[in-house]
Amino acid sequence: MAQQANIGELLSMLDSPLLSVRDDVTTVFKENLNSDRGPMLVNTLVDYYLETNSQPVLHILTTLQEPHDKHLLDKMNEYVGKAASRLSALLLLGHVVRLQPSWKHKLSQAPLLPSLLKCLKVLSLVVQWLGLHAPSAGGPGPDPGRGTRSHLPQPRVLMPQLKTLHAAAKDLPCCN
């Protein structure tokens, strides 16, 4: 329990306005990550980042090395599965991928990839459904023939196909 309190104090010090304090605390976290191979510290850092959007914590997470890459990907997969935290987890993933870590090739084998693909499938279905049912997406609008986006080509989706895809999407864990 004392270690948890210590981590909490260190996390709050990471957001200190004093650069020297931030650098010292960042060094302590990096040393701990080098000596401890377990997932607890990475999980705590991810939790804290998703709650606070702390830039110093983001820097630590985006510079993680093996074996912590697996812990980071597993924790992000956990958050992608929750609707409330999905966007924040995807933004974190974007920051990590943008820096092209040495372990980027592991992304294709991580459980996170199938979760992302399921979310993309669901999002594509939602976009198609909105295109069919929302007047502001090019439908007739108040003035027939002059929808709000009538100048854009409209997607053609057959209703039986949409119903089948919608029924399949209900079973996806990404659709919480």
N, C-alpha and C. Protein backbone atom coordinates (compact mmCIF):
# COMPACT_ATOMS: atom_id res chain seq x y z
N MET A 1 0.82 -1.20 0.00
CA MET A 1 0.00 0.00 0.00
C MET A 1 0.86 1.26 0.00
N ALA A 2 2.00 1.20 0.70
CA ALA A 2 2.90 2.35 0.74
C ALA A 2 3.44 2.63 -0.67
N GLN A 3 3.68 1.56 -1.44
CA GLN A 3 4.18 1.74 -2.80
C GLN A 3 3.14 2.45 -3.66
N GLN A 4 1.85 2.11 -3.50
CA GLN A 4 0.79 2.77 -4.26
C GLN A 4 0.73 4.27 -3.92
N ALA A 5 0.85 4.59 -2.62
CA ALA A 5 0.83 5.99 -2.22
C ALA A 5 2.03 6.71 -2.81
N ASN A 6 3.19 6.05 -2.82
CA ASN A 6 4.40 6.63 -3.39
C ASN A 6 4.22 6.91 -4.89
N ILE A 7 3.62 5.97 -5.61
CA ILE A 7 3.37 6.15 -7.04
C ILE A 7 2.42 7.32 -7.26
N GLY A 8 1.38 7.42 -6.43
CA GLY A 8 0.43 8.53 -6.53
C GLY A 8 1.10 9.88 -6.33
N GLU A 9 1.99 9.96 -5.34
CA GLU A 9 2.72 11.20 -5.09
C GLU A 9 3.62 11.54 -6.28
N LEU A 10 4.31 10.53 -6.79
CA LEU A 10 5.20 10.76 -7.93
C LEU A 10 4.41 11.21 -9.16
N LEU A 11 3.24 10.61 -9.39
CA LEU A 11 2.42 11.01 -10.53
C LEU A 11 2.00 12.47 -10.42
N SER A 12 1.61 12.89 -9.24
CA SER A 12 1.20 14.29 -9.08
C SER A 12 2.39 15.22 -9.26
N MET A 13 3.59 14.76 -8.91
CA MET A 13 4.79 15.58 -9.08
C MET A 13 5.20 15.69 -10.55
N LEU A 14 4.77 14.73 -11.38
CA LEU A 14 5.09 14.80 -12.81
C LEU A 14 4.50 16.03 -13.48
N ASP A 15 3.41 16.52 -12.92
CA ASP A 15 2.75 17.69 -13.49
C ASP A 15 3.19 18.99 -12.81
N SER A 16 4.31 18.93 -12.12
CA SER A 16 4.85 20.09 -11.44
C SER A 16 5.27 21.16 -12.46
N PRO A 17 5.07 22.42 -12.12
CA PRO A 17 5.52 23.48 -13.03
C PRO A 17 7.05 23.60 -13.07
N LEU A 18 7.73 23.01 -12.08
CA LEU A 18 9.20 23.07 -12.03
C LEU A 18 9.79 21.98 -12.91
N LEU A 19 10.54 22.39 -13.90
CA LEU A 19 11.13 21.45 -14.84
C LEU A 19 12.07 20.46 -14.17
N SER A 20 12.84 20.92 -13.20
CA SER A 20 13.79 20.03 -12.51
C SER A 20 13.07 18.92 -11.76
N VAL A 21 11.95 19.25 -11.15
CA VAL A 21 11.16 18.24 -10.43
C VAL A 21 10.61 17.23 -11.42
N ARG A 22 10.06 17.73 -12.53
CA ARG A 22 9.52 16.83 -13.56
C ARG A 22 10.58 15.90 -14.11
N ASP A 23 11.76 16.43 -14.39
CA ASP A 23 12.84 15.60 -14.91
C ASP A 23 13.27 14.53 -13.91
N ASP A 24 13.37 14.92 -12.63
CA ASP A 24 13.77 13.96 -11.59
C ASP A 24 12.75 12.85 -11.46
N VAL A 25 11.47 13.20 -11.47
CA VAL A 25 10.42 12.20 -11.30
C VAL A 25 10.35 11.30 -12.54
N THR A 26 10.53 11.88 -13.71
CA THR A 26 10.55 11.08 -14.94
C THR A 26 11.69 10.07 -14.89
N THR A 27 12.83 10.49 -14.40
CA THR A 27 13.97 9.59 -14.26
C THR A 27 13.65 8.45 -13.29
N VAL A 28 12.98 8.77 -12.19
CA VAL A 28 12.60 7.72 -11.22
C VAL A 28 11.67 6.71 -11.89
N PHE A 29 10.68 7.19 -12.65
CA PHE A 29 9.76 6.26 -13.33
C PHE A 29 10.51 5.39 -14.33
N LYS A 30 11.40 5.98 -15.09
CA LYS A 30 12.13 5.20 -16.10
C LYS A 30 13.04 4.17 -15.44
N GLU A 31 13.65 4.52 -14.32
CA GLU A 31 14.48 3.56 -13.59
C GLU A 31 13.63 2.40 -13.07
N ASN A 32 12.46 2.74 -12.55
CA ASN A 32 11.56 1.68 -12.06
C ASN A 32 11.11 0.77 -13.19
N LEU A 33 10.83 1.35 -14.35
CA LEU A 33 10.43 0.54 -15.50
C LEU A 33 11.57 -0.36 -15.97
N ASN A 34 12.81 0.10 -15.85
CA ASN A 34 13.95 -0.72 -16.25
C ASN A 34 14.19 -1.87 -15.27
N SER A 35 13.87 -1.66 -14.00
CA SER A 35 14.13 -2.71 -13.01
C SER A 35 12.93 -3.63 -12.79
N ASP A 36 11.72 -3.13 -13.01
CA ASP A 36 10.50 -3.93 -12.78
C ASP A 36 9.89 -4.31 -14.12
N ARG A 37 9.77 -5.60 -14.38
CA ARG A 37 9.25 -6.07 -15.67
C ARG A 37 7.74 -6.34 -15.63
N GLY A 38 7.10 -6.11 -14.50
CA GLY A 38 5.67 -6.39 -14.37
C GLY A 38 4.80 -5.30 -14.97
N PRO A 39 3.50 -5.57 -15.06
CA PRO A 39 2.58 -4.63 -15.72
C PRO A 39 2.03 -3.53 -14.81
N MET A 40 2.23 -3.62 -13.49
CA MET A 40 1.55 -2.71 -12.58
C MET A 40 1.86 -1.23 -12.86
N LEU A 41 3.13 -0.90 -13.03
CA LEU A 41 3.49 0.50 -13.23
C LEU A 41 2.96 1.03 -14.56
N VAL A 42 3.06 0.23 -15.62
CA VAL A 42 2.55 0.65 -16.92
C VAL A 42 1.04 0.85 -16.85
N ASN A 43 0.34 -0.08 -16.20
CA ASN A 43 -1.12 0.04 -16.06
C ASN A 43 -1.49 1.31 -15.30
N THR A 44 -0.74 1.61 -14.25
CA THR A 44 -1.00 2.82 -13.47
C THR A 44 -0.77 4.08 -14.31
N LEU A 45 0.30 4.06 -15.09
CA LEU A 45 0.59 5.21 -15.95
C LEU A 45 -0.50 5.40 -17.00
N VAL A 46 -0.97 4.32 -17.59
CA VAL A 46 -2.04 4.43 -18.59
C VAL A 46 -3.31 4.97 -17.93
N ASP A 47 -3.67 4.42 -16.78
CA ASP A 47 -4.86 4.89 -16.06
C ASP A 47 -4.75 6.39 -15.78
N TYR A 48 -3.60 6.81 -15.29
CA TYR A 48 -3.40 8.22 -14.95
C TYR A 48 -3.46 9.09 -16.20
N TYR A 49 -2.84 8.65 -17.26
CA TYR A 49 -2.87 9.44 -18.50
C TYR A 49 -4.31 9.59 -19.02
N LEU A 50 -5.07 8.51 -19.02
CA LEU A 50 -6.43 8.60 -19.55
C LEU A 50 -7.34 9.46 -18.68
N GLU A 51 -7.00 9.59 -17.40
CA GLU A 51 -7.77 10.47 -16.51
C GLU A 51 -7.37 11.93 -16.66
N THR A 52 -6.06 12.18 -16.89
CA THR A 52 -5.56 13.55 -16.79
C THR A 52 -4.99 14.13 -18.09
N ASN A 53 -4.69 13.29 -19.06
CA ASN A 53 -4.01 13.72 -20.29
C ASN A 53 -2.67 14.39 -19.98
N SER A 54 -2.00 13.90 -18.97
CA SER A 54 -0.72 14.45 -18.54
C SER A 54 0.34 14.24 -19.62
N GLN A 55 0.94 15.33 -20.09
CA GLN A 55 1.96 15.24 -21.14
C GLN A 55 3.24 14.53 -20.68
N PRO A 56 3.71 14.75 -19.45
CA PRO A 56 4.88 13.99 -19.00
C PRO A 56 4.62 12.47 -18.95
N VAL A 57 3.43 12.08 -18.56
CA VAL A 57 3.09 10.65 -18.55
C VAL A 57 3.00 10.14 -19.98
N LEU A 58 2.45 10.93 -20.87
CA LEU A 58 2.39 10.55 -22.28
C LEU A 58 3.81 10.32 -22.82
N HIS A 59 4.73 11.18 -22.44
CA HIS A 59 6.12 11.02 -22.89
C HIS A 59 6.70 9.69 -22.39
N ILE A 60 6.43 9.35 -21.14
CA ILE A 60 6.94 8.09 -20.60
C ILE A 60 6.32 6.92 -21.35
N LEU A 61 5.01 6.98 -21.58
CA LEU A 61 4.32 5.86 -22.25
C LEU A 61 4.76 5.70 -23.70
N THR A 62 5.04 6.81 -24.37
CA THR A 62 5.42 6.70 -25.78
C THR A 62 6.87 6.29 -25.98
N THR A 63 7.62 6.25 -24.90
CA THR A 63 9.02 5.83 -25.01
C THR A 63 9.28 4.49 -24.33
N LEU A 64 8.22 3.76 -24.02
CA LEU A 64 8.39 2.45 -23.38
C LEU A 64 9.13 1.49 -24.30
N GLN A 65 9.90 0.63 -23.70
CA GLN A 65 10.63 -0.40 -24.44
C GLN A 65 10.14 -1.78 -24.01
N GLU A 66 10.60 -2.79 -24.72
CA GLU A 66 10.23 -4.17 -24.38
C GLU A 66 10.72 -4.46 -22.97
N PRO A 67 10.03 -5.22 -22.18
CA PRO A 67 8.82 -5.99 -22.39
C PRO A 67 7.54 -5.21 -22.08
N HIS A 68 7.68 -3.92 -21.76
CA HIS A 68 6.50 -3.15 -21.37
C HIS A 68 5.56 -2.86 -22.52
N ASP A 69 5.99 -3.07 -23.75
CA ASP A 69 5.12 -2.88 -24.90
C ASP A 69 3.88 -3.76 -24.81
N LYS A 70 4.07 -5.00 -24.37
CA LYS A 70 2.93 -5.92 -24.25
C LYS A 70 1.95 -5.42 -23.20
N HIS A 71 2.46 -4.94 -22.08
CA HIS A 71 1.59 -4.42 -21.03
C HIS A 71 0.80 -3.20 -21.53
N LEU A 72 1.49 -2.33 -22.26
CA LEU A 72 0.83 -1.14 -22.80
C LEU A 72 -0.27 -1.53 -23.78
N LEU A 73 0.03 -2.43 -24.70
CA LEU A 73 -0.96 -2.85 -25.70
C LEU A 73 -2.14 -3.56 -25.05
N ASP A 74 -1.87 -4.38 -24.03
CA ASP A 74 -2.96 -5.07 -23.33
C ASP A 74 -3.87 -4.08 -22.61
N LYS A 75 -3.26 -3.09 -21.96
CA LYS A 75 -4.05 -2.10 -21.24
C LYS A 75 -4.87 -1.24 -22.21
N MET A 76 -4.28 -0.87 -23.35
CA MET A 76 -5.03 -0.09 -24.34
C MET A 76 -6.18 -0.94 -24.91
N ASN A 77 -5.94 -2.23 -25.10
CA ASN A 77 -7.00 -3.11 -25.59
C ASN A 77 -8.16 -3.15 -24.59
N GLU A 78 -7.84 -3.18 -23.32
CA GLU A 78 -8.87 -3.17 -22.29
C GLU A 78 -9.72 -1.90 -22.38
N TYR A 79 -9.07 -0.76 -22.58
CA TYR A 79 -9.80 0.50 -22.67
C TYR A 79 -10.54 0.67 -23.99
N VAL A 80 -10.04 0.12 -25.08
CA VAL A 80 -10.74 0.19 -26.36
C VAL A 80 -12.05 -0.57 -26.28
N GLY A 81 -12.09 -1.60 -25.44
CA GLY A 81 -13.32 -2.38 -25.28
C GLY A 81 -14.41 -1.67 -24.50
N LYS A 82 -14.09 -0.56 -23.87
CA LYS A 82 -15.06 0.20 -23.09
C LYS A 82 -15.43 1.46 -23.86
N ALA A 83 -16.70 1.65 -24.10
CA ALA A 83 -17.16 2.79 -24.91
C ALA A 83 -16.72 4.12 -24.31
N ALA A 84 -16.75 4.25 -23.00
CA ALA A 84 -16.44 5.52 -22.36
C ALA A 84 -14.98 5.94 -22.52
N SER A 85 -14.09 4.99 -22.66
CA SER A 85 -12.67 5.32 -22.72
C SER A 85 -12.05 5.02 -24.09
N ARG A 86 -12.86 4.61 -25.04
CA ARG A 86 -12.35 4.18 -26.35
C ARG A 86 -11.58 5.30 -27.07
N LEU A 87 -12.14 6.48 -27.13
CA LEU A 87 -11.50 7.58 -27.85
C LEU A 87 -10.14 7.93 -27.23
N SER A 88 -10.10 8.03 -25.92
CA SER A 88 -8.83 8.36 -25.24
C SER A 88 -7.78 7.29 -25.49
N ALA A 89 -8.19 6.03 -25.47
CA ALA A 89 -7.25 4.93 -25.72
C ALA A 89 -6.75 4.98 -27.16
N LEU A 90 -7.63 5.29 -28.10
CA LEU A 90 -7.22 5.39 -29.50
C LEU A 90 -6.26 6.56 -29.72
N LEU A 91 -6.50 7.66 -29.02
CA LEU A 91 -5.59 8.80 -29.12
C LEU A 91 -4.21 8.44 -28.57
N LEU A 92 -4.19 7.71 -27.46
CA LEU A 92 -2.92 7.25 -26.90
C LEU A 92 -2.21 6.34 -27.89
N LEU A 93 -2.94 5.43 -28.48
CA LEU A 93 -2.35 4.54 -29.48
C LEU A 93 -1.78 5.35 -30.65
N GLY A 94 -2.48 6.37 -31.06
CA GLY A 94 -1.99 7.23 -32.14
C GLY A 94 -0.67 7.90 -31.79
N HIS A 95 -0.56 8.38 -30.55
CA HIS A 95 0.70 8.99 -30.11
C HIS A 95 1.84 7.98 -30.13
N VAL A 96 1.56 6.77 -29.66
CA VAL A 96 2.59 5.73 -29.60
C VAL A 96 3.03 5.35 -31.02
N VAL A 97 2.08 5.11 -31.89
CA VAL A 97 2.39 4.66 -33.25
C VAL A 97 3.15 5.75 -34.02
N ARG A 98 2.79 7.00 -33.81
CA ARG A 98 3.44 8.10 -34.51
C ARG A 98 4.95 8.14 -34.25
N LEU A 99 5.37 7.70 -33.07
CA LEU A 99 6.79 7.69 -32.74
C LEU A 99 7.51 6.44 -33.24
N GLN A 100 6.79 5.53 -33.84
CA GLN A 100 7.33 4.31 -34.43
C GLN A 100 8.32 3.60 -33.51
N PRO A 101 7.81 3.04 -32.42
CA PRO A 101 8.70 2.34 -31.49
C PRO A 101 9.34 1.12 -32.15
N SER A 102 10.41 0.65 -31.55
CA SER A 102 11.14 -0.50 -32.11
C SER A 102 10.27 -1.76 -32.14
N TRP A 103 9.24 -1.80 -31.32
CA TRP A 103 8.37 -2.97 -31.23
C TRP A 103 7.08 -2.81 -32.04
N LYS A 104 7.04 -1.87 -32.98
CA LYS A 104 5.81 -1.61 -33.75
C LYS A 104 5.33 -2.84 -34.52
N HIS A 105 6.24 -3.74 -34.88
CA HIS A 105 5.85 -4.95 -35.61
C HIS A 105 4.96 -5.86 -34.76
N LYS A 106 4.98 -5.69 -33.45
CA LYS A 106 4.17 -6.52 -32.57
C LYS A 106 2.69 -6.12 -32.58
N LEU A 107 2.40 -4.94 -33.11
CA LEU A 107 1.01 -4.48 -33.15
C LEU A 107 0.12 -5.45 -33.94
N SER A 108 0.68 -6.04 -34.98
CA SER A 108 -0.14 -6.91 -35.82
C SER A 108 -0.50 -8.22 -35.13
N GLN A 109 0.25 -8.61 -34.10
CA GLN A 109 -0.07 -9.84 -33.37
C GLN A 109 -0.78 -9.56 -32.05
N ALA A 110 -0.91 -8.32 -31.67
CA ALA A 110 -1.52 -7.97 -30.38
C ALA A 110 -3.04 -8.11 -30.45
N PRO A 111 -3.66 -8.46 -29.32
CA PRO A 111 -5.13 -8.53 -29.28
C PRO A 111 -5.81 -7.20 -29.58
N LEU A 112 -5.04 -6.13 -29.51
CA LEU A 112 -5.59 -4.80 -29.79
C LEU A 112 -6.05 -4.66 -31.24
N LEU A 113 -5.34 -5.28 -32.17
CA LEU A 113 -5.68 -5.15 -33.59
C LEU A 113 -7.08 -5.68 -33.91
N PRO A 114 -7.45 -6.90 -33.50
CA PRO A 114 -8.84 -7.34 -33.77
C PRO A 114 -9.89 -6.44 -33.13
N SER A 115 -9.59 -5.91 -31.96
CA SER A 115 -10.53 -4.98 -31.31
C SER A 115 -10.70 -3.72 -32.14
N LEU A 116 -9.61 -3.21 -32.69
CA LEU A 116 -9.69 -2.02 -33.54
C LEU A 116 -10.49 -2.30 -34.80
N LEU A 117 -10.26 -3.46 -35.39
CA LEU A 117 -10.98 -3.81 -36.61
C LEU A 117 -12.49 -3.93 -36.35
N LYS A 118 -12.86 -4.49 -35.21
CA LYS A 118 -14.28 -4.59 -34.86
C LYS A 118 -14.90 -3.20 -34.71
N CYS A 119 -14.16 -2.31 -34.07
CA CYS A 119 -14.66 -0.94 -33.90
C CYS A 119 -14.82 -0.24 -35.25
N LEU A 120 -13.86 -0.43 -36.13
CA LEU A 120 -13.96 0.18 -37.46
C LEU A 120 -15.16 -0.35 -38.23
N LYS A 121 -15.43 -1.63 -38.09
CA LYS A 121 -16.58 -2.22 -38.78
C LYS A 121 -17.87 -1.60 -38.26
N VAL A 122 -17.97 -1.46 -36.95
CA VAL A 122 -19.16 -0.87 -36.35
C VAL A 122 -19.30 0.58 -36.78
N LEU A 123 -18.21 1.32 -36.77
CA LEU A 123 -18.27 2.73 -37.17
C LEU A 123 -18.71 2.87 -38.62
N SER A 124 -18.24 1.99 -39.47
CA SER A 124 -18.63 2.05 -40.87
C SER A 124 -20.13 1.78 -41.02
N LEU A 125 -20.66 0.87 -40.22
CA LEU A 125 -22.10 0.60 -40.26
C LEU A 125 -22.90 1.81 -39.79
N VAL A 126 -22.41 2.47 -38.76
CA VAL A 126 -23.11 3.65 -38.24
C VAL A 126 -23.12 4.75 -39.30
N VAL A 127 -22.00 4.96 -39.95
CA VAL A 127 -21.93 5.98 -41.00
C VAL A 127 -22.90 5.64 -42.13
N GLN A 128 -22.95 4.39 -42.52
CA GLN A 128 -23.89 3.99 -43.58
C GLN A 128 -25.33 4.21 -43.12
N TRP A 129 -25.64 3.85 -41.90
CA TRP A 129 -27.00 4.00 -41.39
C TRP A 129 -27.37 5.49 -41.35
N LEU A 130 -26.44 6.33 -40.89
CA LEU A 130 -26.73 7.76 -40.84
C LEU A 130 -26.95 8.32 -42.24
N GLY A 131 -26.20 7.84 -43.20
CA GLY A 131 -26.37 8.30 -44.58
C GLY A 131 -27.74 7.98 -45.13
N LEU A 132 -28.34 6.89 -44.64
CA LEU A 132 -29.66 6.49 -45.12
C LEU A 132 -30.80 7.20 -44.39
N HIS A 133 -30.58 7.56 -43.12
CA HIS A 133 -31.70 8.02 -42.31
C HIS A 133 -31.65 9.48 -41.87
N ALA A 134 -30.55 10.16 -42.04
CA ALA A 134 -30.46 11.53 -41.54
C ALA A 134 -30.69 12.53 -42.67
N PRO A 135 -31.70 13.40 -42.54
CA PRO A 135 -31.94 14.40 -43.58
C PRO A 135 -30.75 15.33 -43.78
N SER A 136 -29.99 15.60 -42.73
CA SER A 136 -28.85 16.51 -42.87
C SER A 136 -27.69 15.86 -43.62
N ALA A 137 -27.82 14.58 -43.93
CA ALA A 137 -26.75 13.90 -44.66
C ALA A 137 -27.09 13.80 -46.14
N GLY A 138 -27.92 14.68 -46.64
CA GLY A 138 -28.20 14.70 -48.07
C GLY A 138 -29.59 14.25 -48.42
N GLY A 139 -30.41 14.02 -47.42
CA GLY A 139 -31.79 13.62 -47.68
C GLY A 139 -32.59 14.80 -48.20
N PRO A 140 -33.89 14.63 -48.36
CA PRO A 140 -34.71 15.67 -48.97
C PRO A 140 -34.67 17.00 -48.24
N GLY A 141 -34.58 16.99 -46.92
CA GLY A 141 -34.57 18.25 -46.19
C GLY A 141 -35.91 18.96 -46.34
N PRO A 142 -35.97 20.22 -45.94
CA PRO A 142 -37.24 20.95 -45.98
C PRO A 142 -37.66 21.30 -47.40
N ASP A 143 -36.72 21.37 -48.31
CA ASP A 143 -37.00 21.74 -49.68
C ASP A 143 -36.64 20.56 -50.58
N PRO A 144 -37.65 19.81 -51.10
CA PRO A 144 -37.34 18.63 -51.89
C PRO A 144 -36.40 18.96 -53.05
N GLY A 145 -35.42 18.09 -53.23
CA GLY A 145 -34.45 18.30 -54.29
C GLY A 145 -33.30 19.21 -53.89
N ARG A 146 -33.40 19.78 -52.69
CA ARG A 146 -32.34 20.68 -52.23
C ARG A 146 -31.93 20.29 -50.81
N GLY A 147 -31.46 19.07 -50.66
CA GLY A 147 -30.97 18.62 -49.35
C GLY A 147 -29.75 19.42 -48.96
N THR A 148 -29.37 19.28 -47.73
CA THR A 148 -28.25 20.09 -47.25
C THR A 148 -26.95 19.72 -47.95
N ARG A 149 -26.87 18.50 -48.46
CA ARG A 149 -25.67 18.09 -49.19
C ARG A 149 -26.07 17.39 -50.48
N SER A 150 -27.06 17.92 -51.14
CA SER A 150 -27.56 17.25 -52.34
C SER A 150 -26.56 17.25 -53.48
N HIS A 151 -25.54 18.09 -53.38
CA HIS A 151 -24.53 18.13 -54.44
C HIS A 151 -23.52 16.98 -54.32
N LEU A 152 -23.52 16.27 -53.18
CA LEU A 152 -22.59 15.15 -52.99
C LEU A 152 -23.22 13.85 -53.47
N PRO A 153 -22.44 12.97 -54.06
CA PRO A 153 -23.00 11.67 -54.46
C PRO A 153 -23.40 10.90 -53.21
N GLN A 154 -24.56 10.27 -53.27
CA GLN A 154 -25.08 9.55 -52.12
C GLN A 154 -24.72 8.07 -52.21
N PRO A 155 -24.32 7.47 -51.07
CA PRO A 155 -24.01 6.04 -51.09
C PRO A 155 -25.29 5.23 -51.29
N ARG A 156 -25.19 4.17 -52.02
CA ARG A 156 -26.32 3.28 -52.27
C ARG A 156 -26.12 2.01 -51.46
N VAL A 157 -26.93 1.84 -50.44
CA VAL A 157 -26.86 0.65 -49.61
C VAL A 157 -28.23 0.00 -49.63
N LEU A 158 -28.25 -1.26 -49.94
CA LEU A 158 -29.52 -1.97 -49.96
C LEU A 158 -29.95 -2.27 -48.53
N MET A 159 -31.21 -2.06 -48.25
CA MET A 159 -31.72 -2.25 -46.90
C MET A 159 -31.52 -3.67 -46.36
N PRO A 160 -31.72 -4.73 -47.14
CA PRO A 160 -31.49 -6.06 -46.58
C PRO A 160 -30.03 -6.24 -46.15
N GLN A 161 -29.09 -5.67 -46.90
CA GLN A 161 -27.69 -5.78 -46.51
C GLN A 161 -27.43 -5.04 -45.20
N LEU A 162 -28.00 -3.86 -45.06
CA LEU A 162 -27.81 -3.08 -43.85
C LEU A 162 -28.39 -3.80 -42.65
N LYS A 163 -29.57 -4.41 -42.80
CA LYS A 163 -30.18 -5.14 -41.70
C LYS A 163 -29.30 -6.31 -41.28
N THR A 164 -28.73 -7.01 -42.25
CA THR A 164 -27.87 -8.15 -41.94
C THR A 164 -26.61 -7.68 -41.22
N LEU A 165 -26.00 -6.60 -41.69
CA LEU A 165 -24.80 -6.08 -41.05
C LEU A 165 -25.11 -5.55 -39.66
N HIS A 166 -26.25 -4.88 -39.52
CA HIS A 166 -26.63 -4.36 -38.22
C HIS A 166 -26.84 -5.49 -37.23
N ALA A 167 -27.47 -6.57 -37.65
CA ALA A 167 -27.70 -7.71 -36.77
C ALA A 167 -26.38 -8.33 -36.36
N ALA A 168 -25.44 -8.41 -37.27
CA ALA A 168 -24.13 -8.98 -36.95
C ALA A 168 -23.36 -8.06 -36.00
N ALA A 169 -23.53 -6.76 -36.15
CA ALA A 169 -22.80 -5.81 -35.32
C ALA A 169 -23.26 -5.81 -33.87
N LYS A 170 -24.51 -6.21 -33.61
CA LYS A 170 -25.01 -6.24 -32.25
C LYS A 170 -24.19 -7.19 -31.37
N ASP A 171 -23.61 -8.21 -31.96
CA ASP A 171 -22.87 -9.21 -31.19
C ASP A 171 -21.43 -8.81 -30.93
N LEU A 172 -20.97 -7.71 -31.51
CA LEU A 172 -19.57 -7.32 -31.34
C LEU A 172 -19.35 -6.70 -29.96
N PRO A 173 -18.24 -7.04 -29.30
CA PRO A 173 -17.97 -6.47 -27.99
C PRO A 173 -17.68 -4.99 -28.05
N CYS A 174 -17.37 -4.48 -29.20
CA CYS A 174 -17.02 -3.08 -29.36
C CYS A 174 -18.25 -2.19 -29.31
N CYS A 175 -19.43 -2.74 -29.41
CA CYS A 175 -20.68 -1.95 -29.52
C CYS A 175 -21.35 -1.73 -28.18
N ASN A 176 -20.64 -1.49 -27.14
CA ASN A 176 -21.25 -1.38 -25.81
C ASN A 176 -22.27 -0.30 -25.76
